[in-house]
Amino acid sequence: MGRGEGVPYLYLAIAIAAEVTATFCLTLSAGFTRLWPSCVTVVGYVVAFYALSLALRVIPTGIAYAIWSGIGTVLIALVCRVVLGQKLDLAAMAGMMLIICGVLVMNLLSNTGQHD
């Protein structure tokens, strides 16, 4: 990877982190009845979509969305497990492993993200 080529993936990482934070705070907002979690939710989603839009300048949409939604899904499940004590059974953990495997296959084995 040359100089600057990793920047779109940095934007994608920021988008994922902001989306996971926003989704977690959405849970804490109690239907937007609590001020600070509600504010963090709104700001987090704005940052997530802006950072994702910057990543999409270079990363193909299908690849970026697969990474964003897949990794985001796994991370929010883990955050809610650790912070809120939400249960993850064997089927949920297996599903998360399949999501991670799918994202890896798309990124490592597919030529979808290659420019002609």
PDB file of N, CA and C in Angstrom:
ATOM      1  N   MET A   1       0.841  -1.163   0.000  1.00  0.00           N
ATOM      2  CA  MET A   1       0.000   0.000   0.000  1.00  0.00           C
ATOM      3  C   MET A   1       0.893   1.235   0.000  1.00  0.00           C
ATOM      4  N   GLY A   2       0.683   2.091  -0.977  1.00  0.00           N
ATOM      5  CA  GLY A   2       1.489   3.297  -1.088  1.00  0.00           C
ATOM      6  C   GLY A   2       1.014   4.377  -0.141  1.00  0.00           C
ATOM      7  N   ARG A   3       1.720   5.471  -0.198  1.00  0.00           N
ATOM      8  CA  ARG A   3       1.404   6.597   0.669  1.00  0.00           C
ATOM      9  C   ARG A   3       0.001   7.127   0.364  1.00  0.00           C
ATOM     10  N   GLY A   4      -0.831   7.232   1.361  1.00  0.00           N
ATOM     11  CA  GLY A   4      -2.178   7.755   1.208  1.00  0.00           C
ATOM     12  C   GLY A   4      -3.224   6.734   0.806  1.00  0.00           C
ATOM     13  N   GLU A   5      -2.806   5.532   0.427  1.00  0.00           N
ATOM     14  CA  GLU A   5      -3.771   4.523  -0.011  1.00  0.00           C
ATOM     15  C   GLU A   5      -4.602   3.976   1.137  1.00  0.00           C
ATOM     16  N   GLY A   6      -4.114   4.076   2.346  1.00  0.00           N
ATOM     17  CA  GLY A   6      -4.853   3.571   3.498  1.00  0.00           C
ATOM     18  C   GLY A   6      -5.861   4.556   4.059  1.00  0.00           C
ATOM     19  N   VAL A   7      -5.832   5.793   3.564  1.00  0.00           N
ATOM     20  CA  VAL A   7      -6.724   6.833   4.092  1.00  0.00           C
ATOM     21  C   VAL A   7      -8.200   6.465   3.937  1.00  0.00           C
ATOM     22  N   PRO A   8      -8.642   5.937   2.786  1.00  0.00           N
ATOM     23  CA  PRO A   8     -10.060   5.556   2.696  1.00  0.00           C
ATOM     24  C   PRO A   8     -10.451   4.506   3.738  1.00  0.00           C
ATOM     25  N   TYR A   9      -9.541   3.607   4.061  1.00  0.00           N
ATOM     26  CA  TYR A   9      -9.843   2.600   5.086  1.00  0.00           C
ATOM     27  C   TYR A   9      -9.837   3.217   6.482  1.00  0.00           C
ATOM     28  N   LEU A  10      -9.079   4.281   6.686  1.00  0.00           N
ATOM     29  CA  LEU A  10      -9.152   5.024   7.941  1.00  0.00           C
ATOM     30  C   LEU A  10     -10.526   5.680   8.064  1.00  0.00           C
ATOM     31  N   TYR A  11     -11.006   6.292   6.969  1.00  0.00           N
ATOM     32  CA  TYR A  11     -12.352   6.865   6.973  1.00  0.00           C
ATOM     33  C   TYR A  11     -13.399   5.790   7.256  1.00  0.00           C
ATOM     34  N   LEU A  12     -13.215   4.624   6.678  1.00  0.00           N
ATOM     35  CA  LEU A  12     -14.153   3.523   6.909  1.00  0.00           C
ATOM     36  C   LEU A  12     -14.117   3.090   8.374  1.00  0.00           C
ATOM     37  N   ALA A  13     -12.946   3.025   8.969  1.00  0.00           N
ATOM     38  CA  ALA A  13     -12.824   2.675  10.393  1.00  0.00           C
ATOM     39  C   ALA A  13     -13.511   3.721  11.272  1.00  0.00           C
ATOM     40  N   ILE A  14     -13.356   4.991  10.913  1.00  0.00           N
ATOM     41  CA  ILE A  14     -14.029   6.068  11.649  1.00  0.00           C
ATOM     42  C   ILE A  14     -15.544   5.913  11.515  1.00  0.00           C
ATOM     43  N   ALA A  15     -16.005   5.600  10.306  1.00  0.00           N
ATOM     44  CA  ALA A  15     -17.441   5.399  10.072  1.00  0.00           C
ATOM     45  C   ALA A  15     -17.979   4.263  10.925  1.00  0.00           C
ATOM     46  N   ILE A  16     -17.228   3.183  11.007  1.00  0.00           N
ATOM     47  CA  ILE A  16     -17.654   2.025  11.806  1.00  0.00           C
ATOM     48  C   ILE A  16     -17.701   2.394  13.285  1.00  0.00           C
ATOM     49  N   ALA A  17     -16.658   3.030  13.776  1.00  0.00           N
ATOM     50  CA  ALA A  17     -16.610   3.406  15.192  1.00  0.00           C
ATOM     51  C   ALA A  17     -17.743   4.378  15.541  1.00  0.00           C
ATOM     52  N   ALA A  18     -17.995   5.339  14.668  1.00  0.00           N
ATOM     53  CA  ALA A  18     -19.066   6.312  14.922  1.00  0.00           C
ATOM     54  C   ALA A  18     -20.437   5.643  14.886  1.00  0.00           C
ATOM     55  N   GLU A  19     -20.624   4.722  13.959  1.00  0.00           N
ATOM     56  CA  GLU A  19     -21.916   4.026  13.845  1.00  0.00           C
ATOM     57  C   GLU A  19     -22.155   3.130  15.058  1.00  0.00           C
ATOM     58  N   VAL A  20     -21.139   2.427  15.515  1.00  0.00           N
ATOM     59  CA  VAL A  20     -21.283   1.573  16.695  1.00  0.00           C
ATOM     60  C   VAL A  20     -21.573   2.433  17.930  1.00  0.00           C
ATOM     61  N   THR A  21     -20.880   3.532  18.069  1.00  0.00           N
ATOM     62  CA  THR A  21     -21.125   4.453  19.191  1.00  0.00           C
ATOM     63  C   THR A  21     -22.547   4.988  19.131  1.00  0.00           C
ATOM     64  N   ALA A  22     -22.982   5.422  17.948  1.00  0.00           N
ATOM     65  CA  ALA A  22     -24.330   5.968  17.793  1.00  0.00           C
ATOM     66  C   ALA A  22     -25.390   4.917  18.100  1.00  0.00           C
ATOM     67  N   THR A  23     -25.191   3.712  17.624  1.00  0.00           N
ATOM     68  CA  THR A  23     -26.164   2.650  17.864  1.00  0.00           C
ATOM     69  C   THR A  23     -26.233   2.288  19.340  1.00  0.00           C
ATOM     70  N   PHE A  24     -25.082   2.229  19.990  1.00  0.00           N
ATOM     71  CA  PHE A  24     -25.058   1.951  21.424  1.00  0.00           C
ATOM     72  C   PHE A  24     -25.798   3.048  22.186  1.00  0.00           C
ATOM     73  N   CYS A  25     -25.529   4.300  21.840  1.00  0.00           N
ATOM     74  CA  CYS A  25     -26.195   5.419  22.526  1.00  0.00           C
ATOM     75  C   CYS A  25     -27.683   5.482  22.194  1.00  0.00           C
ATOM     76  N   LEU A  26     -28.068   4.987  21.020  1.00  0.00           N
ATOM     77  CA  LEU A  26     -29.487   4.909  20.689  1.00  0.00           C
ATOM     78  C   LEU A  26     -30.207   4.018  21.696  1.00  0.00           C
ATOM     79  N   THR A  27     -29.562   2.928  22.088  1.00  0.00           N
ATOM     80  CA  THR A  27     -30.121   2.055  23.116  1.00  0.00           C
ATOM     81  C   THR A  27     -30.269   2.811  24.433  1.00  0.00           C
ATOM     82  N   LEU A  28     -29.264   3.597  24.773  1.00  0.00           N
ATOM     83  CA  LEU A  28     -29.277   4.349  26.033  1.00  0.00           C
ATOM     84  C   LEU A  28     -30.230   5.538  26.007  1.00  0.00           C
ATOM     85  N   SER A  29     -30.619   5.989  24.818  1.00  0.00           N
ATOM     86  CA  SER A  29     -31.449   7.189  24.703  1.00  0.00           C
ATOM     87  C   SER A  29     -32.896   6.966  25.137  1.00  0.00           C
ATOM     88  N   ALA A  30     -33.298   5.709  25.291  1.00  0.00           N
ATOM     89  CA  ALA A  30     -34.672   5.374  25.715  1.00  0.00           C
ATOM     90  C   ALA A  30     -35.699   6.057  24.824  1.00  0.00           C
ATOM     91  N   GLY A  31     -35.559   5.811  23.528  1.00  0.00           N
ATOM     92  CA  GLY A  31     -36.509   6.399  22.582  1.00  0.00           C
ATOM     93  C   GLY A  31     -36.371   7.905  22.457  1.00  0.00           C
ATOM     94  N   PHE A  32     -35.147   8.379  22.511  1.00  0.00           N
ATOM     95  CA  PHE A  32     -34.823   9.805  22.429  1.00  0.00           C
ATOM     96  C   PHE A  32     -35.446  10.620  23.564  1.00  0.00           C
ATOM     97  N   THR A  33     -35.597  10.006  24.729  1.00  0.00           N
ATOM     98  CA  THR A  33     -36.113  10.734  25.883  1.00  0.00           C
ATOM     99  C   THR A  33     -34.996  11.194  26.813  1.00  0.00           C
ATOM    100  N   ARG A  34     -33.771  10.723  26.569  1.00  0.00           N
ATOM    101  CA  ARG A  34     -32.622  11.136  27.378  1.00  0.00           C
ATOM    102  C   ARG A  34     -31.707  11.976  26.500  1.00  0.00           C
ATOM    103  N   LEU A  35     -31.389  13.189  26.953  1.00  0.00           N
ATOM    104  CA  LEU A  35     -30.719  14.190  26.128  1.00  0.00           C
ATOM    105  C   LEU A  35     -29.352  13.757  25.611  1.00  0.00           C
ATOM    106  N   TRP A  36     -28.418  13.437  26.494  1.00  0.00           N
ATOM    107  CA  TRP A  36     -27.041  13.200  26.053  1.00  0.00           C
ATOM    108  C   TRP A  36     -26.883  11.963  25.176  1.00  0.00           C
ATOM    109  N   PRO A  37     -27.475  10.843  25.531  1.00  0.00           N
ATOM    110  CA  PRO A  37     -27.374   9.715  24.595  1.00  0.00           C
ATOM    111  C   PRO A  37     -28.023  10.026  23.238  1.00  0.00           C
ATOM    112  N   SER A  38     -29.100  10.812  23.255  1.00  0.00           N
ATOM    113  CA  SER A  38     -29.760  11.201  22.001  1.00  0.00           C
ATOM    114  C   SER A  38     -28.850  12.082  21.154  1.00  0.00           C
ATOM    115  N   CYS A  39     -28.174  13.028  21.793  1.00  0.00           N
ATOM    116  CA  CYS A  39     -27.242  13.909  21.071  1.00  0.00           C
ATOM    117  C   CYS A  39     -26.085  13.111  20.475  1.00  0.00           C
ATOM    118  N   VAL A  40     -25.528  12.202  21.259  1.00  0.00           N
ATOM    119  CA  VAL A  40     -24.424  11.378  20.768  1.00  0.00           C
ATOM    120  C   VAL A  40     -24.898  10.518  19.596  1.00  0.00           C
ATOM    121  N   THR A  41     -26.121  10.018  19.671  1.00  0.00           N
ATOM    122  CA  THR A  41     -26.678   9.214  18.582  1.00  0.00           C
ATOM    123  C   THR A  41     -26.724  10.011  17.288  1.00  0.00           C
ATOM    124  N   VAL A  42     -27.290  11.203  17.334  1.00  0.00           N
ATOM    125  CA  VAL A  42     -27.430  12.022  16.132  1.00  0.00           C
ATOM    126  C   VAL A  42     -26.062  12.407  15.568  1.00  0.00           C
ATOM    127  N   VAL A  43     -25.180  12.893  16.423  1.00  0.00           N
ATOM    128  CA  VAL A  43     -23.836  13.279  15.969  1.00  0.00           C
ATOM    129  C   VAL A  43     -23.085  12.066  15.440  1.00  0.00           C
ATOM    130  N   GLY A  44     -23.207  10.948  16.122  1.00  0.00           N
ATOM    131  CA  GLY A  44     -22.514   9.731  15.699  1.00  0.00           C
ATOM    132  C   GLY A  44     -22.938   9.273  14.319  1.00  0.00           C
ATOM    133  N   TYR A  45     -24.235   9.307  14.037  1.00  0.00           N
ATOM    134  CA  TYR A  45     -24.700   8.900  12.711  1.00  0.00           C
ATOM    135  C   TYR A  45     -24.276   9.897  11.638  1.00  0.00           C
ATOM    136  N   VAL A  46     -24.253  11.185  11.945  1.00  0.00           N
ATOM    137  CA  VAL A  46     -23.774  12.177  10.978  1.00  0.00           C
ATOM    138  C   VAL A  46     -22.304  11.917  10.660  1.00  0.00           C
ATOM    139  N   VAL A  47     -21.496  11.716  11.681  1.00  0.00           N
ATOM    140  CA  VAL A  47     -20.069  11.428  11.473  1.00  0.00           C
ATOM    141  C   VAL A  47     -19.905  10.125  10.698  1.00  0.00           C
ATOM    142  N   ALA A  48     -20.680   9.106  11.046  1.00  0.00           N
ATOM    143  CA  ALA A  48     -20.570   7.806  10.373  1.00  0.00           C
ATOM    144  C   ALA A  48     -20.852   7.934   8.877  1.00  0.00           C
ATOM    145  N   PHE A  49     -21.938   8.599   8.523  1.00  0.00           N
ATOM    146  CA  PHE A  49     -22.287   8.715   7.109  1.00  0.00           C
ATOM    147  C   PHE A  49     -21.330   9.632   6.357  1.00  0.00           C
ATOM    148  N   TYR A  50     -20.844  10.675   7.010  1.00  0.00           N
ATOM    149  CA  TYR A  50     -19.865  11.543   6.347  1.00  0.00           C
ATOM    150  C   TYR A  50     -18.562  10.784   6.090  1.00  0.00           C
ATOM    151  N   ALA A  51     -18.070  10.090   7.106  1.00  0.00           N
ATOM    152  CA  ALA A  51     -16.827   9.324   6.939  1.00  0.00           C
ATOM    153  C   ALA A  51     -17.017   8.218   5.895  1.00  0.00           C
ATOM    154  N   LEU A  52     -18.173   7.571   5.901  1.00  0.00           N
ATOM    155  CA  LEU A  52     -18.443   6.548   4.893  1.00  0.00           C
ATOM    156  C   LEU A  52     -18.448   7.160   3.497  1.00  0.00           C
ATOM    157  N   SER A  53     -19.013   8.344   3.355  1.00  0.00           N
ATOM    158  CA  SER A  53     -19.033   8.993   2.040  1.00  0.00           C
ATOM    159  C   SER A  53     -17.620   9.295   1.550  1.00  0.00           C
ATOM    160  N   LEU A  54     -16.723   9.629   2.458  1.00  0.00           N
ATOM    161  CA  LEU A  54     -15.332   9.876   2.074  1.00  0.00           C
ATOM    162  C   LEU A  54     -14.643   8.577   1.662  1.00  0.00           C
ATOM    163  N   ALA A  55     -14.943   7.500   2.373  1.00  0.00           N
ATOM    164  CA  ALA A  55     -14.357   6.201   2.025  1.00  0.00           C
ATOM    165  C   ALA A  55     -14.839   5.738   0.650  1.00  0.00           C
ATOM    166  N   LEU A  56     -16.093   6.048   0.324  1.00  0.00           N
ATOM    167  CA  LEU A  56     -16.671   5.610  -0.948  1.00  0.00           C
ATOM    168  C   LEU A  56     -16.081   6.321  -2.163  1.00  0.00           C
ATOM    169  N   ARG A  57     -15.278   7.329  -1.943  1.00  0.00           N
ATOM    170  CA  ARG A  57     -14.575   7.976  -3.061  1.00  0.00           C
ATOM    171  C   ARG A  57     -13.601   7.007  -3.715  1.00  0.00           C
ATOM    172  N   VAL A  58     -13.099   6.033  -2.928  1.00  0.00           N
ATOM    173  CA  VAL A  58     -12.083   5.102  -3.416  1.00  0.00           C
ATOM    174  C   VAL A  58     -12.542   3.646  -3.319  1.00  0.00           C
ATOM    175  N   ILE A  59     -13.131   3.281  -2.198  1.00  0.00           N
ATOM    176  CA  ILE A  59     -13.527   1.888  -1.968  1.00  0.00           C
ATOM    177  C   ILE A  59     -14.865   1.648  -2.670  1.00  0.00           C
ATOM    178  N   PRO A  60     -14.978   0.580  -3.466  1.00  0.00           N
ATOM    179  CA  PRO A  60     -16.259   0.282  -4.103  1.00  0.00           C
ATOM    180  C   PRO A  60     -17.375   0.128  -3.059  1.00  0.00           C
ATOM    181  N   THR A  61     -18.557   0.588  -3.405  1.00  0.00           N
ATOM    182  CA  THR A  61     -19.672   0.622  -2.465  1.00  0.00           C
ATOM    183  C   THR A  61     -19.973  -0.740  -1.861  1.00  0.00           C
ATOM    184  N   GLY A  62     -20.018  -1.787  -2.673  1.00  0.00           N
ATOM    185  CA  GLY A  62     -20.338  -3.126  -2.164  1.00  0.00           C
ATOM    186  C   GLY A  62     -19.342  -3.606  -1.132  1.00  0.00           C
ATOM    187  N   ILE A  63     -18.076  -3.343  -1.385  1.00  0.00           N
ATOM    188  CA  ILE A  63     -17.019  -3.747  -0.445  1.00  0.00           C
ATOM    189  C   ILE A  63     -17.105  -2.913   0.836  1.00  0.00           C
ATOM    190  N   ALA A  64     -17.208  -1.596   0.685  1.00  0.00           N
ATOM    191  CA  ALA A  64     -17.261  -0.713   1.854  1.00  0.00           C
ATOM    192  C   ALA A  64     -18.471  -1.032   2.722  1.00  0.00           C
ATOM    193  N   TYR A  65     -19.614  -1.251   2.087  1.00  0.00           N
ATOM    194  CA  TYR A  65     -20.825  -1.521   2.863  1.00  0.00           C
ATOM    195  C   TYR A  65     -20.746  -2.874   3.563  1.00  0.00           C
ATOM    196  N   ALA A  66     -20.158  -3.862   2.902  1.00  0.00           N
ATOM    197  CA  ALA A  66     -20.002  -5.174   3.535  1.00  0.00           C
ATOM    198  C   ALA A  66     -19.129  -5.063   4.789  1.00  0.00           C
ATOM    199  N   ILE A  67     -18.047  -4.318   4.678  1.00  0.00           N
ATOM    200  CA  ILE A  67     -17.157  -4.131   5.832  1.00  0.00           C
ATOM    201  C   ILE A  67     -17.876  -3.342   6.917  1.00  0.00           C
ATOM    202  N   TRP A  68     -18.493  -2.222   6.535  1.00  0.00           N
ATOM    203  CA  TRP A  68     -19.154  -1.323   7.487  1.00  0.00           C
ATOM    204  C   TRP A  68     -20.274  -2.036   8.246  1.00  0.00           C
ATOM    205  N   SER A  69     -21.151  -2.678   7.512  1.00  0.00           N
ATOM    206  CA  SER A  69     -22.287  -3.315   8.171  1.00  0.00           C
ATOM    207  C   SER A  69     -21.866  -4.589   8.912  1.00  0.00           C
ATOM    208  N   GLY A  70     -20.980  -5.374   8.322  1.00  0.00           N
ATOM    209  CA  GLY A  70     -20.557  -6.619   8.954  1.00  0.00           C
ATOM    210  C   GLY A  70     -19.788  -6.394  10.232  1.00  0.00           C
ATOM    211  N   ILE A  71     -18.751  -5.595  10.141  1.00  0.00           N
ATOM    212  CA  ILE A  71     -17.930  -5.324  11.333  1.00  0.00           C
ATOM    213  C   ILE A  71     -18.741  -4.552  12.364  1.00  0.00           C
ATOM    214  N   GLY A  72     -19.579  -3.628  11.893  1.00  0.00           N
ATOM    215  CA  GLY A  72     -20.436  -2.873  12.814  1.00  0.00           C
ATOM    216  C   GLY A  72     -21.384  -3.772  13.581  1.00  0.00           C
ATOM    217  N   THR A  73     -21.973  -4.739  12.891  1.00  0.00           N
ATOM    218  CA  THR A  73     -22.891  -5.681  13.532  1.00  0.00           C
ATOM    219  C   THR A  73     -22.188  -6.486  14.620  1.00  0.00           C
ATOM    220  N   VAL A  74     -21.021  -6.990  14.294  1.00  0.00           N
ATOM    221  CA  VAL A  74     -20.265  -7.781  15.263  1.00  0.00           C
ATOM    222  C   VAL A  74     -19.848  -6.916  16.451  1.00  0.00           C
ATOM    223  N   LEU A  75     -19.337  -5.722  16.176  1.00  0.00           N
ATOM    224  CA  LEU A  75     -18.875  -4.855  17.265  1.00  0.00           C
ATOM    225  C   LEU A  75     -20.008  -4.426  18.190  1.00  0.00           C
ATOM    226  N   ILE A  76     -21.165  -4.059  17.625  1.00  0.00           N
ATOM    227  CA  ILE A  76     -22.253  -3.607  18.506  1.00  0.00           C
ATOM    228  C   ILE A  76     -22.759  -4.766  19.353  1.00  0.00           C
ATOM    229  N   ALA A  77     -22.776  -5.967  18.800  1.00  0.00           N
ATOM    230  CA  ALA A  77     -23.182  -7.131  19.597  1.00  0.00           C
ATOM    231  C   ALA A  77     -22.203  -7.354  20.747  1.00  0.00           C
ATOM    232  N   LEU A  78     -20.912  -7.220  20.465  1.00  0.00           N
ATOM    233  CA  LEU A  78     -19.901  -7.417  21.509  1.00  0.00           C
ATOM    234  C   LEU A  78     -19.947  -6.312  22.556  1.00  0.00           C
ATOM    235  N   VAL A  79     -20.113  -5.068  22.123  1.00  0.00           N
ATOM    236  CA  VAL A  79     -20.202  -3.943  23.062  1.00  0.00           C
ATOM    237  C   VAL A  79     -21.404  -4.124  23.982  1.00  0.00           C
ATOM    238  N   CYS A  80     -22.550  -4.476  23.407  1.00  0.00           N
ATOM    239  CA  CYS A  80     -23.749  -4.674  24.230  1.00  0.00           C
ATOM    240  C   CYS A  80     -23.581  -5.865  25.166  1.00  0.00           C
ATOM    241  N   ARG A  81     -22.839  -6.858  24.754  1.00  0.00           N
ATOM    242  CA  ARG A  81     -22.561  -8.012  25.622  1.00  0.00           C
ATOM    243  C   ARG A  81     -21.712  -7.582  26.811  1.00  0.00           C
ATOM    244  N   VAL A  82     -20.639  -6.849  26.525  1.00  0.00           N
ATOM    245  CA  VAL A  82     -19.697  -6.458  27.579  1.00  0.00           C
ATOM    246  C   VAL A  82     -20.285  -5.384  28.490  1.00  0.00           C
ATOM    247  N   VAL A  83     -20.883  -4.354  27.905  1.00  0.00           N
ATOM    248  CA  VAL A  83     -21.328  -3.208  28.699  1.00  0.00           C
ATOM    249  C   VAL A  83     -22.704  -3.430  29.321  1.00  0.00           C
ATOM    250  N   LEU A  84     -23.626  -4.001  28.563  1.00  0.00           N
ATOM    251  CA  LEU A  84     -25.001  -4.150  29.041  1.00  0.00           C
ATOM    252  C   LEU A  84     -25.337  -5.568  29.507  1.00  0.00           C
ATOM    253  N   GLY A  85     -24.412  -6.495  29.307  1.00  0.00           N
ATOM    254  CA  GLY A  85     -24.649  -7.861  29.730  1.00  0.00           C
ATOM    255  C   GLY A  85     -25.632  -8.631  28.856  1.00  0.00           C
ATOM    256  N   GLN A  86     -25.888  -8.139  27.636  1.00  0.00           N
ATOM    257  CA  GLN A  86     -26.787  -8.855  26.737  1.00  0.00           C
ATOM    258  C   GLN A  86     -26.164 -10.199  26.367  1.00  0.00           C
ATOM    259  N   LYS A  87     -26.989 -11.208  26.321  1.00  0.00           N
ATOM    260  CA  LYS A  87     -26.512 -12.571  26.092  1.00  0.00           C
ATOM    261  C   LYS A  87     -26.257 -12.840  24.611  1.00  0.00           C
ATOM    262  N   LEU A  88     -25.222 -13.623  24.349  1.00  0.00           N
ATOM    263  CA  LEU A  88     -24.917 -14.117  23.006  1.00  0.00           C
ATOM    264  C   LEU A  88     -24.817 -15.637  23.108  1.00  0.00           C
ATOM    265  N   ASP A  89     -25.752 -16.328  22.481  1.00  0.00           N
ATOM    266  CA  ASP A  89     -25.698 -17.788  22.529  1.00  0.00           C
ATOM    267  C   ASP A  89     -24.773 -18.311  21.428  1.00  0.00           C
ATOM    268  N   LEU A  90     -24.662 -19.614  21.364  1.00  0.00           N
ATOM    269  CA  LEU A  90     -23.761 -20.240  20.397  1.00  0.00           C
ATOM    270  C   LEU A  90     -24.131 -19.876  18.960  1.00  0.00           C
ATOM    271  N   ALA A  91     -25.413 -19.845  18.663  1.00  0.00           N
ATOM    272  CA  ALA A  91     -25.852 -19.489  17.308  1.00  0.00           C
ATOM    273  C   ALA A  91     -25.454 -18.055  16.960  1.00  0.00           C
ATOM    274  N   ALA A  92     -25.581 -17.135  17.902  1.00  0.00           N
ATOM    275  CA  ALA A  92     -25.189 -15.745  17.664  1.00  0.00           C
ATOM    276  C   ALA A  92     -23.685 -15.639  17.426  1.00  0.00           C
ATOM    277  N   MET A  93     -22.899 -16.348  18.217  1.00  0.00           N
ATOM    278  CA  MET A  93     -21.447 -16.314  18.045  1.00  0.00           C
ATOM    279  C   MET A  93     -21.035 -16.944  16.711  1.00  0.00           C
ATOM    280  N   ALA A  94     -21.705 -18.032  16.334  1.00  0.00           N
ATOM    281  CA  ALA A  94     -21.419 -18.659  15.043  1.00  0.00           C
ATOM    282  C   ALA A  94     -21.775 -17.707  13.906  1.00  0.00           C
ATOM    283  N   GLY A  95     -22.897 -17.037  14.036  1.00  0.00           N
ATOM    284  CA  GLY A  95     -23.294 -16.063  13.021  1.00  0.00           C
ATOM    285  C   GLY A  95     -22.291 -14.929  12.883  1.00  0.00           C
ATOM    286  N   MET A  96     -21.780 -14.454  14.011  1.00  0.00           N
ATOM    287  CA  MET A  96     -20.774 -13.388  13.965  1.00  0.00           C
ATOM    288  C   MET A  96     -19.497 -13.875  13.298  1.00  0.00           C
ATOM    289  N   MET A  97     -19.113 -15.114  13.560  1.00  0.00           N
ATOM    290  CA  MET A  97     -17.927 -15.673  12.889  1.00  0.00           C
ATOM    291  C   MET A  97     -18.152 -15.768  11.380  1.00  0.00           C
ATOM    292  N   LEU A  98     -19.352 -16.141  10.969  1.00  0.00           N
ATOM    293  CA  LEU A  98     -19.663 -16.207   9.541  1.00  0.00           C
ATOM    294  C   LEU A  98     -19.623 -14.823   8.891  1.00  0.00           C
ATOM    295  N   ILE A  99     -20.094 -13.815   9.614  1.00  0.00           N
ATOM    296  CA  ILE A  99     -20.024 -12.438   9.102  1.00  0.00           C
ATOM    297  C   ILE A  99     -18.569 -12.044   8.885  1.00  0.00           C
ATOM    298  N   ILE A 100     -17.731 -12.289   9.880  1.00  0.00           N
ATOM    299  CA  ILE A 100     -16.309 -11.948   9.763  1.00  0.00           C
ATOM    300  C   ILE A 100     -15.675 -12.710   8.611  1.00  0.00           C
ATOM    301  N   CYS A 101     -15.979 -13.994   8.496  1.00  0.00           N
ATOM    302  CA  CYS A 101     -15.439 -14.793   7.379  1.00  0.00           C
ATOM    303  C   CYS A 101     -15.897 -14.238   6.039  1.00  0.00           C
ATOM    304  N   GLY A 102     -17.151 -13.852   5.937  1.00  0.00           N
ATOM    305  CA  GLY A 102     -17.665 -13.285   4.694  1.00  0.00           C
ATOM    306  C   GLY A 102     -16.955 -12.003   4.307  1.00  0.00           C
ATOM    307  N   VAL A 103     -16.725 -11.127   5.271  1.00  0.00           N
ATOM    308  CA  VAL A 103     -16.006  -9.882   5.002  1.00  0.00           C
ATOM    309  C   VAL A 103     -14.576 -10.179   4.562  1.00  0.00           C
ATOM    310  N   LEU A 104     -13.933 -11.137   5.218  1.00  0.00           N
ATOM    311  CA  LEU A 104     -12.569 -11.513   4.842  1.00  0.00           C
ATOM    312  C   LEU A 104     -12.514 -12.103   3.439  1.00  0.00           C
ATOM    313  N   VAL A 105     -13.453 -12.980   3.100  1.00  0.00           N
ATOM    314  CA  VAL A 105     -13.479 -13.568   1.759  1.00  0.00           C
ATOM    315  C   VAL A 105     -13.651 -12.482   0.701  1.00  0.00           C
ATOM    316  N   MET A 106     -14.579 -11.553   0.945  1.00  0.00           N
ATOM    317  CA  MET A 106     -14.795 -10.473  -0.026  1.00  0.00           C
ATOM    318  C   MET A 106     -13.539  -9.644  -0.228  1.00  0.00           C
ATOM    319  N   ASN A 107     -12.815  -9.391   0.852  1.00  0.00           N
ATOM    320  CA  ASN A 107     -11.660  -8.504   0.771  1.00  0.00           C
ATOM    321  C   ASN A 107     -10.383  -9.194   0.325  1.00  0.00           C
ATOM    322  N   LEU A 108     -10.226 -10.442   0.694  1.00  0.00           N
ATOM    323  CA  LEU A 108      -8.961 -11.120   0.407  1.00  0.00           C
ATOM    324  C   LEU A 108      -9.001 -11.979  -0.859  1.00  0.00           C
ATOM    325  N   LEU A 109     -10.157 -12.517  -1.189  1.00  0.00           N
ATOM    326  CA  LEU A 109     -10.222 -13.471  -2.292  1.00  0.00           C
ATOM    327  C   LEU A 109     -10.984 -12.966  -3.513  1.00  0.00           C
ATOM    328  N   SER A 110     -11.790 -11.950  -3.348  1.00  0.00           N
ATOM    329  CA  SER A 110     -12.593 -11.445  -4.463  1.00  0.00           C
ATOM    330  C   SER A 110     -11.848 -10.340  -5.198  1.00  0.00           C
ATOM    331  N   ASN A 111     -12.063 -10.261  -6.492  1.00  0.00           N
ATOM    332  CA  ASN A 111     -11.498  -9.176  -7.289  1.00  0.00           C
ATOM    333  C   ASN A 111     -12.477  -8.011  -7.439  1.00  0.00           C
ATOM    334  N   THR A 112     -13.570  -8.048  -6.715  1.00  0.00           N
ATOM    335  CA  THR A 112     -14.597  -7.023  -6.812  1.00  0.00           C
ATOM    336  C   THR A 112     -14.045  -5.629  -6.542  1.00  0.00           C
ATOM    337  N   GLY A 113     -13.154  -5.524  -5.588  1.00  0.00           N
ATOM    338  CA  GLY A 113     -12.612  -4.216  -5.214  1.00  0.00           C
ATOM    339  C   GLY A 113     -11.475  -3.741  -6.096  1.00  0.00           C
ATOM    340  N   GLN A 114     -11.066  -4.536  -7.070  1.00  0.00           N
ATOM    341  CA  GLN A 114      -9.951  -4.164  -7.927  1.00  0.00           C
ATOM    342  C   GLN A 114     -10.399  -3.206  -9.023  1.00  0.00           C
ATOM    343  N   HIS A 115      -9.592  -2.200  -9.255  1.00  0.00           N
ATOM    344  CA  HIS A 115      -9.875  -1.267 -10.349  1.00  0.00           C
ATOM    345  C   HIS A 115      -9.251  -1.804 -11.616  1.00  0.00           C
ATOM    346  N   ASP A 116      -9.953  -1.605 -12.739  1.00  0.00           N
ATOM    347  CA  ASP A 116      -9.430  -2.077 -14.030  1.00  0.00           C
ATOM    348  C   ASP A 116      -8.327  -1.185 -14.553  1.00  0.00           C
TER     349      ASP A 116
END
